[in-house]
Amino acid sequence: EEVAVMYRGRVVEQAETAEIFRAPAHPYTRALLEAVPRAEPGRQRR
């Protein structure tokens, strides 16, 4: 129900799970979300 994102020993973001996926507020969380595989063949990765 809730997620804490850690980077180099620190918690850099914490929120309800749905909120993390809907509106990440830390660049590292955004990078992790971008790495989640998606079945979108036409999607261009940055």
All heavy atoms as atom14 arrays in JSON, in Angstrom:
{
  "sequence": "EEVAVMYRGRVVEQAETAEIFRAPAHPYTRALLEAVPRAEPGRQRR",
  "atom14_mask": [
    [1, 1, 1, 1, 1, 1, 1, 1, 1, 0, 0, 0, 0, 0],
    [1, 1, 1, 1, 1, 1, 1, 1, 1, 0, 0, 0, 0, 0],
    [1, 1, 1, 1, 1, 1, 1, 0, 0, 0, 0, 0, 0, 0],
    [1, 1, 1, 1, 1, 0, 0, 0, 0, 0, 0, 0, 0, 0],
    [1, 1, 1, 1, 1, 1, 1, 0, 0, 0, 0, 0, 0, 0],
    [1, 1, 1, 1, 1, 1, 1, 1, 0, 0, 0, 0, 0, 0],
    [1, 1, 1, 1, 1, 1, 1, 1, 1, 1, 1, 1, 0, 0],
    [1, 1, 1, 1, 1, 1, 1, 1, 1, 1, 1, 0, 0, 0],
    [1, 1, 1, 1, 0, 0, 0, 0, 0, 0, 0, 0, 0, 0],
    [1, 1, 1, 1, 1, 1, 1, 1, 1, 1, 1, 0, 0, 0],
    [1, 1, 1, 1, 1, 1, 1, 0, 0, 0, 0, 0, 0, 0],
    [1, 1, 1, 1, 1, 1, 1, 0, 0, 0, 0, 0, 0, 0],
    [1, 1, 1, 1, 1, 1, 1, 1, 1, 0, 0, 0, 0, 0],
    [1, 1, 1, 1, 1, 1, 1, 1, 1, 0, 0, 0, 0, 0],
    [1, 1, 1, 1, 1, 0, 0, 0, 0, 0, 0, 0, 0, 0],
    [1, 1, 1, 1, 1, 1, 1, 1, 1, 0, 0, 0, 0, 0],
    [1, 1, 1, 1, 1, 1, 1, 0, 0, 0, 0, 0, 0, 0],
    [1, 1, 1, 1, 1, 0, 0, 0, 0, 0, 0, 0, 0, 0],
    [1, 1, 1, 1, 1, 1, 1, 1, 1, 0, 0, 0, 0, 0],
    [1, 1, 1, 1, 1, 1, 1, 1, 0, 0, 0, 0, 0, 0],
    [1, 1, 1, 1, 1, 1, 1, 1, 1, 1, 1, 0, 0, 0],
    [1, 1, 1, 1, 1, 1, 1, 1, 1, 1, 1, 0, 0, 0],
    [1, 1, 1, 1, 1, 0, 0, 0, 0, 0, 0, 0, 0, 0],
    [1, 1, 1, 1, 1, 1, 1, 0, 0, 0, 0, 0, 0, 0],
    [1, 1, 1, 1, 1, 0, 0, 0, 0, 0, 0, 0, 0, 0],
    [1, 1, 1, 1, 1, 1, 1, 1, 1, 1, 0, 0, 0, 0],
    [1, 1, 1, 1, 1, 1, 1, 0, 0, 0, 0, 0, 0, 0],
    [1, 1, 1, 1, 1, 1, 1, 1, 1, 1, 1, 1, 0, 0],
    [1, 1, 1, 1, 1, 1, 1, 0, 0, 0, 0, 0, 0, 0],
    [1, 1, 1, 1, 1, 1, 1, 1, 1, 1, 1, 0, 0, 0],
    [1, 1, 1, 1, 1, 0, 0, 0, 0, 0, 0, 0, 0, 0],
    [1, 1, 1, 1, 1, 1, 1, 1, 0, 0, 0, 0, 0, 0],
    [1, 1, 1, 1, 1, 1, 1, 1, 0, 0, 0, 0, 0, 0],
    [1, 1, 1, 1, 1, 1, 1, 1, 1, 0, 0, 0, 0, 0],
    [1, 1, 1, 1, 1, 0, 0, 0, 0, 0, 0, 0, 0, 0],
    [1, 1, 1, 1, 1, 1, 1, 0, 0, 0, 0, 0, 0, 0],
    [1, 1, 1, 1, 1, 1, 1, 0, 0, 0, 0, 0, 0, 0],
    [1, 1, 1, 1, 1, 1, 1, 1, 1, 1, 1, 0, 0, 0],
    [1, 1, 1, 1, 1, 0, 0, 0, 0, 0, 0, 0, 0, 0],
    [1, 1, 1, 1, 1, 1, 1, 1, 1, 0, 0, 0, 0, 0],
    [1, 1, 1, 1, 1, 1, 1, 0, 0, 0, 0, 0, 0, 0],
    [1, 1, 1, 1, 0, 0, 0, 0, 0, 0, 0, 0, 0, 0],
    [1, 1, 1, 1, 1, 1, 1, 1, 1, 1, 1, 0, 0, 0],
    [1, 1, 1, 1, 1, 1, 1, 1, 1, 0, 0, 0, 0, 0],
    [1, 1, 1, 1, 1, 1, 1, 1, 1, 1, 1, 0, 0, 0],
    [1, 1, 1, 1, 1, 1, 1, 1, 1, 1, 1, 0, 0, 0]
  ],
  "atom14_positions": [
    [[0.82, -1.22, 0.0], [0.0, 0.0, 0.0], [0.85, 1.27, 0.0], [0.36, 2.35, -0.33], [-0.91, 0.03, 1.24], [-2.1, -0.91, 1.18], [-1.72, -2.36, 1.43], [-0.8, -2.6, 2.24], [-2.33, -3.25, 0.82], [0.0, 0.0, 0.0], [0.0, 0.0, 0.0], [0.0, 0.0, 0.0], [0.0, 0.0, 0.0], [0.0, 0.0, 0.0]],
    [[2.11, 1.14, 0.4], [3.0, 2.3, 0.48], [4.38, 1.91, 0.01], [4.78, 0.75, 0.12], [3.05, 2.82, 1.93], [3.67, 4.19, 2.09], [3.5, 4.75, 3.5], [2.71, 4.17, 4.28], [4.14, 5.75, 3.83], [0.0, 0.0, 0.0], [0.0, 0.0, 0.0], [0.0, 0.0, 0.0], [0.0, 0.0, 0.0], [0.0, 0.0, 0.0]],
    [[5.12, 2.89, -0.53], [6.44, 2.61, -1.08], [7.45, 3.63, -0.55], [7.15, 4.83, -0.47], [6.45, 2.67, -2.62], [7.87, 2.54, -3.18], [5.57, 1.58, -3.21], [0.0, 0.0, 0.0], [0.0, 0.0, 0.0], [0.0, 0.0, 0.0], [0.0, 0.0, 0.0], [0.0, 0.0, 0.0], [0.0, 0.0, 0.0], [0.0, 0.0, 0.0]],
    [[8.64, 3.15, -0.17], [9.78, 4.01, 0.14], [10.87, 3.7, -0.87], [11.23, 2.53, -1.05], [10.27, 3.76, 1.57], [0.0, 0.0, 0.0], [0.0, 0.0, 0.0], [0.0, 0.0, 0.0], [0.0, 0.0, 0.0], [0.0, 0.0, 0.0], [0.0, 0.0, 0.0], [0.0, 0.0, 0.0], [0.0, 0.0, 0.0], [0.0, 0.0, 0.0]],
    [[11.37, 4.72, -1.54], [12.41, 4.56, -2.55], [13.75, 4.93, -1.94], [13.91, 6.03, -1.38], [12.13, 5.45, -3.78], [13.21, 5.25, -4.84], [10.76, 5.14, -4.37], [0.0, 0.0, 0.0], [0.0, 0.0, 0.0], [0.0, 0.0, 0.0], [0.0, 0.0, 0.0], [0.0, 0.0, 0.0], [0.0, 0.0, 0.0], [0.0, 0.0, 0.0]],
    [[14.73, 4.0, -2.01], [16.05, 4.25, -1.43], [17.1, 4.44, -2.51], [17.07, 3.77, -3.55], [16.47, 3.09, -0.52], [15.69, 2.99, 0.77], [16.4, 1.77, 1.93], [17.92, 2.63, 2.44], [0.0, 0.0, 0.0], [0.0, 0.0, 0.0], [0.0, 0.0, 0.0], [0.0, 0.0, 0.0], [0.0, 0.0, 0.0], [0.0, 0.0, 0.0]],
    [[18.03, 5.35, -2.24], [19.17, 5.57, -3.13], [20.38, 5.87, -2.26], [20.38, 6.8, -1.46], [18.9, 6.73, -4.09], [20.02, 6.95, -5.08], [20.19, 6.08, -6.15], [20.91, 8.01, -4.95], [21.21, 6.26, -7.07], [21.94, 8.2, -5.86], [22.08, 7.33, -6.92], [23.11, 7.5, -7.83], [0.0, 0.0, 0.0], [0.0, 0.0, 0.0]],
    [[21.42, 5.04, -2.41], [22.66, 5.19, -1.65], [22.42, 5.37, -0.15], [22.96, 6.26, 0.48], [23.48, 6.34, -2.21], [23.95, 6.09, -3.63], [25.22, 6.82, -3.94], [25.68, 6.49, -5.26], [26.73, 7.07, -5.85], [27.42, 7.98, -5.19], [27.08, 6.72, -7.06], [0.0, 0.0, 0.0], [0.0, 0.0, 0.0], [0.0, 0.0, 0.0]],
    [[21.6, 4.49, 0.4], [21.4, 4.45, 1.84], [20.33, 5.36, 2.4], [19.99, 5.27, 3.57], [0.0, 0.0, 0.0], [0.0, 0.0, 0.0], [0.0, 0.0, 0.0], [0.0, 0.0, 0.0], [0.0, 0.0, 0.0], [0.0, 0.0, 0.0], [0.0, 0.0, 0.0], [0.0, 0.0, 0.0], [0.0, 0.0, 0.0], [0.0, 0.0, 0.0]],
    [[19.78, 6.25, 1.58], [18.77, 7.19, 2.05], [17.42, 6.94, 1.39], [17.37, 6.5, 0.24], [19.2, 8.64, 1.76], [20.46, 9.06, 2.49], [20.79, 10.52, 2.21], [22.01, 10.91, 2.89], [22.06, 11.35, 4.15], [20.94, 11.45, 4.85], [23.21, 11.67, 4.7], [0.0, 0.0, 0.0], [0.0, 0.0, 0.0], [0.0, 0.0, 0.0]],
    [[16.36, 7.27, 2.1], [15.03, 7.28, 1.49], [14.88, 8.61, 0.76], [14.97, 9.68, 1.38], [13.92, 7.12, 2.56], [12.54, 7.32, 1.92], [14.0, 5.75, 3.21], [0.0, 0.0, 0.0], [0.0, 0.0, 0.0], [0.0, 0.0, 0.0], [0.0, 0.0, 0.0], [0.0, 0.0, 0.0], [0.0, 0.0, 0.0], [0.0, 0.0, 0.0]],
    [[14.68, 8.54, -0.56], [14.57, 9.77, -1.35], [13.12, 10.1, -1.69], [12.83, 11.23, -2.11], [15.42, 9.68, -2.64], [16.89, 9.56, -2.29], [14.97, 8.52, -3.52], [0.0, 0.0, 0.0], [0.0, 0.0, 0.0], [0.0, 0.0, 0.0], [0.0, 0.0, 0.0], [0.0, 0.0, 0.0], [0.0, 0.0, 0.0], [0.0, 0.0, 0.0]],
    [[12.22, 9.14, -1.53], [10.8, 9.42, -1.75], [9.97, 8.37, -1.02], [10.35, 7.2, -0.97], [10.45, 9.43, -3.23], [9.02, 9.87, -3.52], [8.76, 10.22, -4.97], [9.66, 10.01, -5.81], [7.65, 10.7, -5.28], [0.0, 0.0, 0.0], [0.0, 0.0, 0.0], [0.0, 0.0, 0.0], [0.0, 0.0, 0.0], [0.0, 0.0, 0.0]],
    [[8.83, 8.83, -0.48], [7.92, 7.9, 0.19], [6.49, 8.41, 0.02], [6.21, 9.6, 0.23], [8.25, 7.75, 1.67], [7.41, 6.7, 2.39], [7.91, 6.4, 3.78], [8.96, 6.89, 4.21], [7.17, 5.58, 4.52], [0.0, 0.0, 0.0], [0.0, 0.0, 0.0], [0.0, 0.0, 0.0], [0.0, 0.0, 0.0], [0.0, 0.0, 0.0]],
    [[5.59, 7.51, -0.37], [4.2, 7.87, -0.58], [3.38, 6.61, -0.72], [3.92, 5.49, -0.75], [4.04, 8.75, -1.83], [0.0, 0.0, 0.0], [0.0, 0.0, 0.0], [0.0, 0.0, 0.0], [0.0, 0.0, 0.0], [0.0, 0.0, 0.0], [0.0, 0.0, 0.0], [0.0, 0.0, 0.0], [0.0, 0.0, 0.0], [0.0, 0.0, 0.0]],
    [[2.07, 6.76, -0.83], [1.22, 5.62, -1.15], [1.62, 5.08, -2.52], [2.03, 5.83, -3.41], [-0.25, 6.03, -1.13], [-0.75, 6.36, 0.26], [-2.26, 6.54, 0.3], [-2.9, 6.43, -0.77], [-2.79, 6.77, 1.4], [0.0, 0.0, 0.0], [0.0, 0.0, 0.0], [0.0, 0.0, 0.0], [0.0, 0.0, 0.0], [0.0, 0.0, 0.0]],
    [[1.49, 3.77, -2.69], [1.95, 3.12, -3.91], [1.31, 3.74, -5.15], [2.01, 4.05, -6.14], [1.64, 1.62, -3.86], [2.2, 1.07, -2.66], [2.23, 0.9, -5.06], [0.0, 0.0, 0.0], [0.0, 0.0, 0.0], [0.0, 0.0, 0.0], [0.0, 0.0, 0.0], [0.0, 0.0, 0.0], [0.0, 0.0, 0.0], [0.0, 0.0, 0.0]],
    [[0.01, 3.95, -5.13], [-0.67, 4.53, -6.29], [-0.15, 5.92, -6.59], [-0.02, 6.31, -7.77], [-2.18, 4.56, -6.04], [0.0, 0.0, 0.0], [0.0, 0.0, 0.0], [0.0, 0.0, 0.0], [0.0, 0.0, 0.0], [0.0, 0.0, 0.0], [0.0, 0.0, 0.0], [0.0, 0.0, 0.0], [0.0, 0.0, 0.0], [0.0, 0.0, 0.0]],
    [[0.18, 6.69, -5.55], [0.69, 8.04, -5.74], [2.08, 8.04, -6.37], [2.4, 8.87, -7.22], [0.72, 8.76, -4.39], [1.22, 10.19, -4.43], [0.22, 11.17, -5.02], [-0.92, 10.74, -5.33], [0.57, 12.35, -5.17], [0.0, 0.0, 0.0], [0.0, 0.0, 0.0], [0.0, 0.0, 0.0], [0.0, 0.0, 0.0], [0.0, 0.0, 0.0]],
    [[2.91, 7.08, -5.97], [4.26, 6.97, -6.56], [4.16, 6.73, -8.06], [4.9, 7.33, -8.86], [5.04, 5.82, -5.89], [5.46, 6.22, -4.46], [6.25, 5.41, -6.72], [6.63, 7.17, -4.38], [0.0, 0.0, 0.0], [0.0, 0.0, 0.0], [0.0, 0.0, 0.0], [0.0, 0.0, 0.0], [0.0, 0.0, 0.0], [0.0, 0.0, 0.0]],
    [[3.26, 5.87, -8.47], [3.11, 5.56, -9.89], [2.41, 6.69, -10.65], [2.7, 6.93, -11.82], [2.33, 4.25, -10.08], [3.18, 3.03, -9.96], [3.57, 2.55, -8.72], [3.6, 2.34, -11.09], [4.37, 1.43, -8.61], [4.4, 1.21, -10.99], [4.78, 0.76, -9.75], [0.0, 0.0, 0.0], [0.0, 0.0, 0.0], [0.0, 0.0, 0.0]],
    [[1.51, 7.38, -9.98], [0.75, 8.45, -10.65], [1.56, 9.74, -10.77], [1.52, 10.41, -11.82], [-0.54, 8.73, -9.87], [-1.47, 9.74, -10.54], [-2.66, 10.07, -9.65], [-2.24, 10.79, -8.46], [-2.02, 12.1, -8.44], [-2.15, 12.83, -9.54], [-1.66, 12.69, -7.32], [0.0, 0.0, 0.0], [0.0, 0.0, 0.0], [0.0, 0.0, 0.0]],
    [[2.31, 10.09, -9.7], [2.98, 11.38, -9.68], [4.28, 11.3, -8.91], [4.37, 11.78, -7.76], [2.05, 12.44, -9.07], [0.0, 0.0, 0.0], [0.0, 0.0, 0.0], [0.0, 0.0, 0.0], [0.0, 0.0, 0.0], [0.0, 0.0, 0.0], [0.0, 0.0, 0.0], [0.0, 0.0, 0.0], [0.0, 0.0, 0.0], [0.0, 0.0, 0.0]],
    [[5.34, 10.7, -9.48], [6.63, 10.64, -8.78], [7.22, 12.04, -8.63], [7.12, 12.87, -9.54], [7.49, 9.77, -9.71], [6.87, 9.95, -11.07], [5.4, 10.09, -10.82], [0.0, 0.0, 0.0], [0.0, 0.0, 0.0], [0.0, 0.0, 0.0], [0.0, 0.0, 0.0], [0.0, 0.0, 0.0], [0.0, 0.0, 0.0], [0.0, 0.0, 0.0]],
    [[7.84, 12.29, -7.47], [8.37, 13.62, -7.18], [9.88, 13.66, -7.08], [10.45, 14.71, -6.78], [7.75, 14.16, -5.88], [0.0, 0.0, 0.0], [0.0, 0.0, 0.0], [0.0, 0.0, 0.0], [0.0, 0.0, 0.0], [0.0, 0.0, 0.0], [0.0, 0.0, 0.0], [0.0, 0.0, 0.0], [0.0, 0.0, 0.0], [0.0, 0.0, 0.0]],
    [[10.56, 12.52, -7.32], [12.02, 12.5, -7.28], [12.53, 11.96, -8.62], [11.97, 11.01, -9.17], [12.53, 11.61, -6.14], [13.98, 11.82, -5.84], [14.98, 11.26, -6.62], [14.61, 12.54, -4.87], [16.16, 11.61, -6.12], [15.96, 12.39, -5.06], [0.0, 0.0, 0.0], [0.0, 0.0, 0.0], [0.0, 0.0, 0.0], [0.0, 0.0, 0.0]],
    [[13.59, 12.57, -9.17], [14.12, 12.11, -10.47], [14.51, 10.64, -10.48], [14.38, 9.97, -11.51], [15.35, 13.01, -10.69], [15.08, 14.22, -9.86], [14.31, 13.75, -8.67], [0.0, 0.0, 0.0], [0.0, 0.0, 0.0], [0.0, 0.0, 0.0], [0.0, 0.0, 0.0], [0.0, 0.0, 0.0], [0.0, 0.0, 0.0], [0.0, 0.0, 0.0]],
    [[14.99, 10.12, -9.35], [15.38, 8.71, -9.3], [14.16, 7.8, -9.41], [14.18, 6.79, -10.11], [16.14, 8.43, -8.0], [16.55, 6.99, -7.84], [17.36, 6.37, -8.8], [16.14, 6.24, -6.74], [17.74, 5.04, -8.66], [16.53, 4.92, -6.59], [17.32, 4.33, -7.56], [17.7, 3.02, -7.42], [0.0, 0.0, 0.0], [0.0, 0.0, 0.0]],
    [[13.07, 8.18, -8.75], [11.84, 7.39, -8.86], [11.35, 7.4, -10.31], [10.9, 6.37, -10.83], [10.75, 7.96, -7.93], [11.27, 8.08, -6.61], [9.53, 7.06, -7.9], [0.0, 0.0, 0.0], [0.0, 0.0, 0.0], [0.0, 0.0, 0.0], [0.0, 0.0, 0.0], [0.0, 0.0, 0.0], [0.0, 0.0, 0.0], [0.0, 0.0, 0.0]],
    [[11.43, 8.53, -10.95], [11.03, 8.63, -12.35], [11.89, 7.7, -13.22], [11.38, 7.04, -14.14], [11.16, 10.06, -12.86], [10.17, 11.03, -12.24], [10.33, 12.42, -12.83], [9.98, 12.4, -14.25], [8.76, 12.6, -14.71], [7.75, 12.83, -13.87], [8.52, 12.59, -16.0], [0.0, 0.0, 0.0], [0.0, 0.0, 0.0], [0.0, 0.0, 0.0]],
    [[13.19, 7.64, -12.92], [14.08, 6.75, -13.68], [13.7, 5.29, -13.47], [13.73, 4.49, -14.41], [15.53, 7.0, -13.28], [0.0, 0.0, 0.0], [0.0, 0.0, 0.0], [0.0, 0.0, 0.0], [0.0, 0.0, 0.0], [0.0, 0.0, 0.0], [0.0, 0.0, 0.0], [0.0, 0.0, 0.0], [0.0, 0.0, 0.0], [0.0, 0.0, 0.0]],
    [[13.33, 4.92, -12.24], [12.91, 3.55, -11.97], [11.62, 3.22, -12.7], [11.47, 2.13, -13.26], [12.71, 3.35, -10.46], [13.96, 3.35, -9.58], [13.56, 3.21, -8.11], [14.92, 2.24, -9.97], [0.0, 0.0, 0.0], [0.0, 0.0, 0.0], [0.0, 0.0, 0.0], [0.0, 0.0, 0.0], [0.0, 0.0, 0.0], [0.0, 0.0, 0.0]],
    [[10.69, 4.16, -12.71], [9.43, 3.93, -13.42], [9.66, 3.79, -14.92], [9.01, 2.98, -15.59], [8.47, 5.09, -13.15], [7.8, 5.1, -11.78], [7.07, 6.41, -11.55], [6.83, 3.94, -11.65], [0.0, 0.0, 0.0], [0.0, 0.0, 0.0], [0.0, 0.0, 0.0], [0.0, 0.0, 0.0], [0.0, 0.0, 0.0], [0.0, 0.0, 0.0]],
    [[10.59, 4.56, -15.45], [10.89, 4.48, -16.87], [11.49, 3.13, -17.24], [11.36, 2.66, -18.37], [11.85, 5.6, -17.27], [12.04, 5.75, -18.77], [12.89, 6.97, -19.11], [12.46, 8.08, -18.81], [13.99, 6.76, -19.65], [0.0, 0.0, 0.0], [0.0, 0.0, 0.0], [0.0, 0.0, 0.0], [0.0, 0.0, 0.0], [0.0, 0.0, 0.0]],
    [[12.14, 2.49, -16.26], [12.79, 1.2, -16.51], [11.81, 0.03, -16.42], [12.15, -1.09, -16.79], [13.93, 0.97, -15.53], [0.0, 0.0, 0.0], [0.0, 0.0, 0.0], [0.0, 0.0, 0.0], [0.0, 0.0, 0.0], [0.0, 0.0, 0.0], [0.0, 0.0, 0.0], [0.0, 0.0, 0.0], [0.0, 0.0, 0.0], [0.0, 0.0, 0.0]],
    [[10.58, 0.27, -15.91], [9.6, -0.81, -15.83], [9.18, -1.2, -17.24], [8.74, -0.36, -18.02], [8.35, -0.37, -15.03], [7.29, -1.45, -15.06], [8.74, -0.05, -13.6], [0.0, 0.0, 0.0], [0.0, 0.0, 0.0], [0.0, 0.0, 0.0], [0.0, 0.0, 0.0], [0.0, 0.0, 0.0], [0.0, 0.0, 0.0], [0.0, 0.0, 0.0]],
    [[9.33, -2.48, -17.63], [8.97, -2.91, -18.99], [7.49, -2.67, -19.29], [6.63, -2.89, -18.45], [9.29, -4.41, -18.99], [10.23, -4.61, -17.85], [9.85, -3.59, -16.82], [0.0, 0.0, 0.0], [0.0, 0.0, 0.0], [0.0, 0.0, 0.0], [0.0, 0.0, 0.0], [0.0, 0.0, 0.0], [0.0, 0.0, 0.0], [0.0, 0.0, 0.0]],
    [[7.23, -2.2, -20.51], [5.86, -1.99, -20.95], [5.67, -2.62, -22.32], [6.58, -2.59, -23.15], [5.53, -0.49, -21.04], [5.5, 0.23, -19.7], [5.11, 1.69, -19.93], [4.96, 2.41, -18.68], [5.95, 3.04, -18.07], [7.15, 3.03, -18.59], [5.74, 3.67, -16.95], [0.0, 0.0, 0.0], [0.0, 0.0, 0.0], [0.0, 0.0, 0.0]],
    [[4.49, -3.16, -22.57], [4.18, -3.76, -23.86], [3.72, -2.68, -24.83], [2.54, -2.59, -25.18], [3.11, -4.84, -23.7], [0.0, 0.0, 0.0], [0.0, 0.0, 0.0], [0.0, 0.0, 0.0], [0.0, 0.0, 0.0], [0.0, 0.0, 0.0], [0.0, 0.0, 0.0], [0.0, 0.0, 0.0], [0.0, 0.0, 0.0], [0.0, 0.0, 0.0]],
    [[4.64, -1.79, -25.21], [4.34, -0.7, -26.12], [5.41, -0.67, -27.2], [6.38, 0.07, -27.12], [4.31, 0.63, -25.36], [3.27, 0.68, -24.24], [3.33, 1.96, -23.45], [3.91, 2.94, -23.97], [2.82, 2.0, -22.32], [0.0, 0.0, 0.0], [0.0, 0.0, 0.0], [0.0, 0.0, 0.0], [0.0, 0.0, 0.0], [0.0, 0.0, 0.0]],
    [[5.27, -1.47, -28.27], [6.31, -1.6, -29.3], [6.69, -0.28, -29.95], [7.84, -0.07, -30.31], [5.67, -2.55, -30.32], [4.64, -3.3, -29.55], [4.12, -2.36, -28.53], [0.0, 0.0, 0.0], [0.0, 0.0, 0.0], [0.0, 0.0, 0.0], [0.0, 0.0, 0.0], [0.0, 0.0, 0.0], [0.0, 0.0, 0.0], [0.0, 0.0, 0.0]],
    [[5.73, 0.65, -30.1], [6.03, 1.89, -30.78], [6.59, 2.97, -29.88], [6.94, 4.07, -30.34], [0.0, 0.0, 0.0], [0.0, 0.0, 0.0], [0.0, 0.0, 0.0], [0.0, 0.0, 0.0], [0.0, 0.0, 0.0], [0.0, 0.0, 0.0], [0.0, 0.0, 0.0], [0.0, 0.0, 0.0], [0.0, 0.0, 0.0], [0.0, 0.0, 0.0]],
    [[6.67, 2.7, -28.59], [7.12, 3.72, -27.64], [8.61, 3.97, -27.78], [9.43, 3.05, -27.79], [6.79, 3.26, -26.22], [7.25, 4.2, -25.12], [6.68, 3.71, -23.79], [7.15, 4.51, -22.67], [8.18, 4.16, -21.92], [8.82, 3.04, -22.16], [8.56, 4.91, -20.92], [0.0, 0.0, 0.0], [0.0, 0.0, 0.0], [0.0, 0.0, 0.0]],
    [[8.97, 5.23, -27.87], [10.38, 5.6, -27.98], [10.96, 5.85, -26.6], [10.43, 6.68, -25.84], [10.53, 6.87, -28.84], [10.09, 6.69, -30.28], [11.0, 5.73, -31.02], [12.21, 5.77, -30.88], [10.4, 4.84, -31.8], [0.0, 0.0, 0.0], [0.0, 0.0, 0.0], [0.0, 0.0, 0.0], [0.0, 0.0, 0.0], [0.0, 0.0, 0.0]],
    [[12.0, 5.16, -26.26], [12.67, 5.37, -24.97], [13.6, 6.56, -25.08], [14.28, 6.75, -26.09], [13.47, 4.13, -24.56], [12.58, 2.93, -24.28], [13.41, 1.77, -23.78], [14.02, 2.06, -22.49], [13.42, 1.87, -21.33], [12.2, 1.44, -21.29], [14.03, 2.15, -20.2], [0.0, 0.0, 0.0], [0.0, 0.0, 0.0], [0.0, 0.0, 0.0]],
    [[13.63, 7.38, -24.02], [14.49, 8.55, -24.02], [15.95, 8.13, -23.96], [16.34, 7.28, -23.17], [14.16, 9.42, -22.79], [14.98, 10.68, -22.69], [14.36, 11.59, -21.61], [14.33, 10.91, -20.33], [15.32, 10.93, -19.47], [16.44, 11.56, -19.76], [15.22, 10.32, -18.32], [0.0, 0.0, 0.0], [0.0, 0.0, 0.0], [0.0, 0.0, 0.0]]
  ]
}
